[in-house]
Amino acid sequence: MSKVVPLLACFLLAAGCKDACLALADQICACQPDDASKNNCTLQAKNAESTFSVGSADEKFCQQKLDLQQCDCGSQSSQAATAACCVKLNTPEGRAACGLVITSP
């Protein structure tokens, strides 16, 4: 049986995320291709916030991802670097770096 990494639930469902998980979701939403998609991503995260409960281990997981800055394309030094970061974030490898993967036990 496969399980979803806590961040996947946090990002896709904004699973009751506390500050670190919401901040991580915001970073990931920032890589959407246009303003409407960004706003929709953020709105989905906020609307689903009360659907699931995220514990302290999930919060720590999100904070670790924030600390590594692997999902923070907005902190890049140029517009070209930001675009390249977002392209990478939307690949399987980029999603894995942000914890957006389904793993088997």
C-alpha atoms as a PDB file:
ATOM      1  CA  MET A   1       0.000   0.000   0.000  1.00  0.00           C
ATOM      2  CA  SER A   2       1.371   3.399  -0.869  1.00  0.00           C
ATOM      3  CA  LYS A   3       1.220   6.423   1.354  1.00  0.00           C
ATOM      4  CA  VAL A   4       1.276  10.072   0.550  1.00  0.00           C
ATOM      5  CA  VAL A   5       4.171  12.109   1.863  1.00  0.00           C
ATOM      6  CA  PRO A   6       2.725  14.667   4.287  1.00  0.00           C
ATOM      7  CA  LEU A   7       3.686  17.565   2.046  1.00  0.00           C
ATOM      8  CA  LEU A   8       1.665  16.176  -0.842  1.00  0.00           C
ATOM      9  CA  ALA A   9      -1.438  16.336   1.293  1.00  0.00           C
ATOM     10  CA  CYS A  10      -0.315  19.675   2.657  1.00  0.00           C
ATOM     11  CA  PHE A  11       0.205  21.180  -0.775  1.00  0.00           C
ATOM     12  CA  LEU A  12      -2.588  19.629  -2.768  1.00  0.00           C
ATOM     13  CA  LEU A  13      -5.179  19.879  -0.038  1.00  0.00           C
ATOM     14  CA  ALA A  14      -3.614  22.510   2.210  1.00  0.00           C
ATOM     15  CA  ALA A  15      -4.231  19.859   4.783  1.00  0.00           C
ATOM     16  CA  GLY A  16      -4.712  21.993   7.849  1.00  0.00           C
ATOM     17  CA  CYS A  17      -1.224  23.260   7.321  1.00  0.00           C
ATOM     18  CA  LYS A  18       0.338  25.396   9.952  1.00  0.00           C
ATOM     19  CA  ASP A  19       2.593  28.307   9.030  1.00  0.00           C
ATOM     20  CA  ALA A  20       5.487  26.339   7.501  1.00  0.00           C
ATOM     21  CA  CYS A  21       3.268  24.184   5.299  1.00  0.00           C
ATOM     22  CA  LEU A  22       1.239  27.166   4.111  1.00  0.00           C
ATOM     23  CA  ALA A  23       4.444  29.053   3.359  1.00  0.00           C
ATOM     24  CA  LEU A  24       5.710  26.076   1.379  1.00  0.00           C
ATOM     25  CA  ALA A  25       2.413  25.820  -0.504  1.00  0.00           C
ATOM     26  CA  ASP A  26       2.696  29.532  -1.330  1.00  0.00           C
ATOM     27  CA  GLN A  27       6.193  29.008  -2.738  1.00  0.00           C
ATOM     28  CA  ILE A  28       4.979  26.174  -4.917  1.00  0.00           C
ATOM     29  CA  CYS A  29       1.877  28.095  -6.039  1.00  0.00           C
ATOM     30  CA  ALA A  30       4.128  30.970  -7.084  1.00  0.00           C
ATOM     31  CA  CYS A  31       5.427  28.769  -9.916  1.00  0.00           C
ATOM     32  CA  GLN A  32       2.051  28.503 -11.598  1.00  0.00           C
ATOM     33  CA  PRO A  33       2.174  29.856 -15.158  1.00  0.00           C
ATOM     34  CA  ASP A  34      -0.167  32.839 -14.738  1.00  0.00           C
ATOM     35  CA  ASP A  35      -1.857  34.967 -12.099  1.00  0.00           C
ATOM     36  CA  ALA A  36      -5.188  33.146 -12.373  1.00  0.00           C
ATOM     37  CA  SER A  37      -3.483  29.784 -11.789  1.00  0.00           C
ATOM     38  CA  LYS A  38      -1.469  31.200  -8.889  1.00  0.00           C
ATOM     39  CA  ASN A  39      -4.590  32.629  -7.292  1.00  0.00           C
ATOM     40  CA  ASN A  40      -6.502  29.386  -7.822  1.00  0.00           C
ATOM     41  CA  CYS A  41      -3.680  27.346  -6.273  1.00  0.00           C
ATOM     42  CA  THR A  42      -3.525  29.629  -3.234  1.00  0.00           C
ATOM     43  CA  LEU A  43      -7.320  29.694  -2.895  1.00  0.00           C
ATOM     44  CA  GLN A  44      -7.492  25.883  -3.019  1.00  0.00           C
ATOM     45  CA  ALA A  45      -4.856  25.695  -0.306  1.00  0.00           C
ATOM     46  CA  LYS A  46      -6.737  28.127   1.921  1.00  0.00           C
ATOM     47  CA  ASN A  47     -10.155  26.569   1.271  1.00  0.00           C
ATOM     48  CA  ALA A  48      -8.956  23.066   2.129  1.00  0.00           C
ATOM     49  CA  GLU A  49      -7.051  24.180   5.219  1.00  0.00           C
ATOM     50  CA  SER A  50      -9.649  22.818   7.634  1.00  0.00           C
ATOM     51  CA  THR A  51     -10.120  19.487   5.823  1.00  0.00           C
ATOM     52  CA  PHE A  52      -7.141  17.622   7.271  1.00  0.00           C
ATOM     53  CA  SER A  53      -5.070  17.855  10.396  1.00  0.00           C
ATOM     54  CA  VAL A  54      -1.313  18.199  10.086  1.00  0.00           C
ATOM     55  CA  GLY A  55       0.739  17.267  13.107  1.00  0.00           C
ATOM     56  CA  SER A  56       4.023  18.532  14.412  1.00  0.00           C
ATOM     57  CA  ALA A  57       5.977  15.978  12.340  1.00  0.00           C
ATOM     58  CA  ASP A  58       4.325  17.322   9.195  1.00  0.00           C
ATOM     59  CA  GLU A  59       5.111  20.876  10.250  1.00  0.00           C
ATOM     60  CA  LYS A  60       8.764  19.916  10.799  1.00  0.00           C
ATOM     61  CA  PHE A  61       8.853  18.254   7.374  1.00  0.00           C
ATOM     62  CA  CYS A  62       7.548  21.428   5.729  1.00  0.00           C
ATOM     63  CA  GLN A  63       9.987  23.571   7.689  1.00  0.00           C
ATOM     64  CA  GLN A  64      12.893  21.397   6.535  1.00  0.00           C
ATOM     65  CA  LYS A  65      11.801  21.918   2.925  1.00  0.00           C
ATOM     66  CA  LEU A  66      11.612  25.663   3.548  1.00  0.00           C
ATOM     67  CA  ASP A  67      15.067  25.661   5.117  1.00  0.00           C
ATOM     68  CA  LEU A  68      16.548  23.859   2.100  1.00  0.00           C
ATOM     69  CA  GLN A  69      15.010  26.471  -0.243  1.00  0.00           C
ATOM     70  CA  GLN A  70      14.533  23.856  -2.968  1.00  0.00           C
ATOM     71  CA  CYS A  71      10.985  25.041  -3.619  1.00  0.00           C
ATOM     72  CA  ASP A  72      11.587  28.797  -3.284  1.00  0.00           C
ATOM     73  CA  CYS A  73      11.950  29.931  -6.858  1.00  0.00           C
ATOM     74  CA  GLY A  74      11.184  33.512  -5.843  1.00  0.00           C
ATOM     75  CA  SER A  75      14.524  33.840  -4.061  1.00  0.00           C
ATOM     76  CA  GLN A  76      16.511  33.417  -7.266  1.00  0.00           C
ATOM     77  CA  SER A  77      18.887  36.172  -8.365  1.00  0.00           C
ATOM     78  CA  SER A  78      17.301  36.874 -11.745  1.00  0.00           C
ATOM     79  CA  GLN A  79      14.074  36.458 -13.661  1.00  0.00           C
ATOM     80  CA  ALA A  80      15.724  33.802 -15.844  1.00  0.00           C
ATOM     81  CA  ALA A  81      16.858  31.872 -12.768  1.00  0.00           C
ATOM     82  CA  THR A  82      13.346  32.076 -11.318  1.00  0.00           C
ATOM     83  CA  ALA A  83      11.868  30.728 -14.564  1.00  0.00           C
ATOM     84  CA  ALA A  84      14.403  27.875 -14.668  1.00  0.00           C
ATOM     85  CA  CYS A  85      13.632  27.032 -11.033  1.00  0.00           C
ATOM     86  CA  CYS A  86       9.893  26.876 -11.753  1.00  0.00           C
ATOM     87  CA  VAL A  87      10.484  24.651 -14.784  1.00  0.00           C
ATOM     88  CA  LYS A  88      12.512  22.298 -12.574  1.00  0.00           C
ATOM     89  CA  LEU A  89       9.852  22.418  -9.831  1.00  0.00           C
ATOM     90  CA  ASN A  90       7.325  21.153 -12.358  1.00  0.00           C
ATOM     91  CA  THR A  91       9.414  18.062 -13.197  1.00  0.00           C
ATOM     92  CA  PRO A  92       9.272  14.747 -11.307  1.00  0.00           C
ATOM     93  CA  GLU A  93      12.709  15.478  -9.818  1.00  0.00           C
ATOM     94  CA  GLY A  94      11.707  18.963  -8.736  1.00  0.00           C
ATOM     95  CA  ARG A  95       8.508  17.711  -7.160  1.00  0.00           C
ATOM     96  CA  ALA A  96      10.455  15.006  -5.334  1.00  0.00           C
ATOM     97  CA  ALA A  97      12.833  17.657  -3.959  1.00  0.00           C
ATOM     98  CA  CYS A  98       9.800  19.452  -2.511  1.00  0.00           C
ATOM     99  CA  GLY A  99       8.338  16.267  -1.076  1.00  0.00           C
ATOM    100  CA  LEU A 100       5.527  16.046  -3.611  1.00  0.00           C
ATOM    101  CA  VAL A 101       5.798  12.316  -4.219  1.00  0.00           C
ATOM    102  CA  ILE A 102       3.902   9.179  -3.375  1.00  0.00           C
ATOM    103  CA  THR A 103       6.102   6.583  -1.723  1.00  0.00           C
ATOM    104  CA  SER A 104       5.687   2.909  -0.923  1.00  0.00           C
ATOM    105  CA  PRO A 105       6.302   1.729   2.638  1.00  0.00           C
END
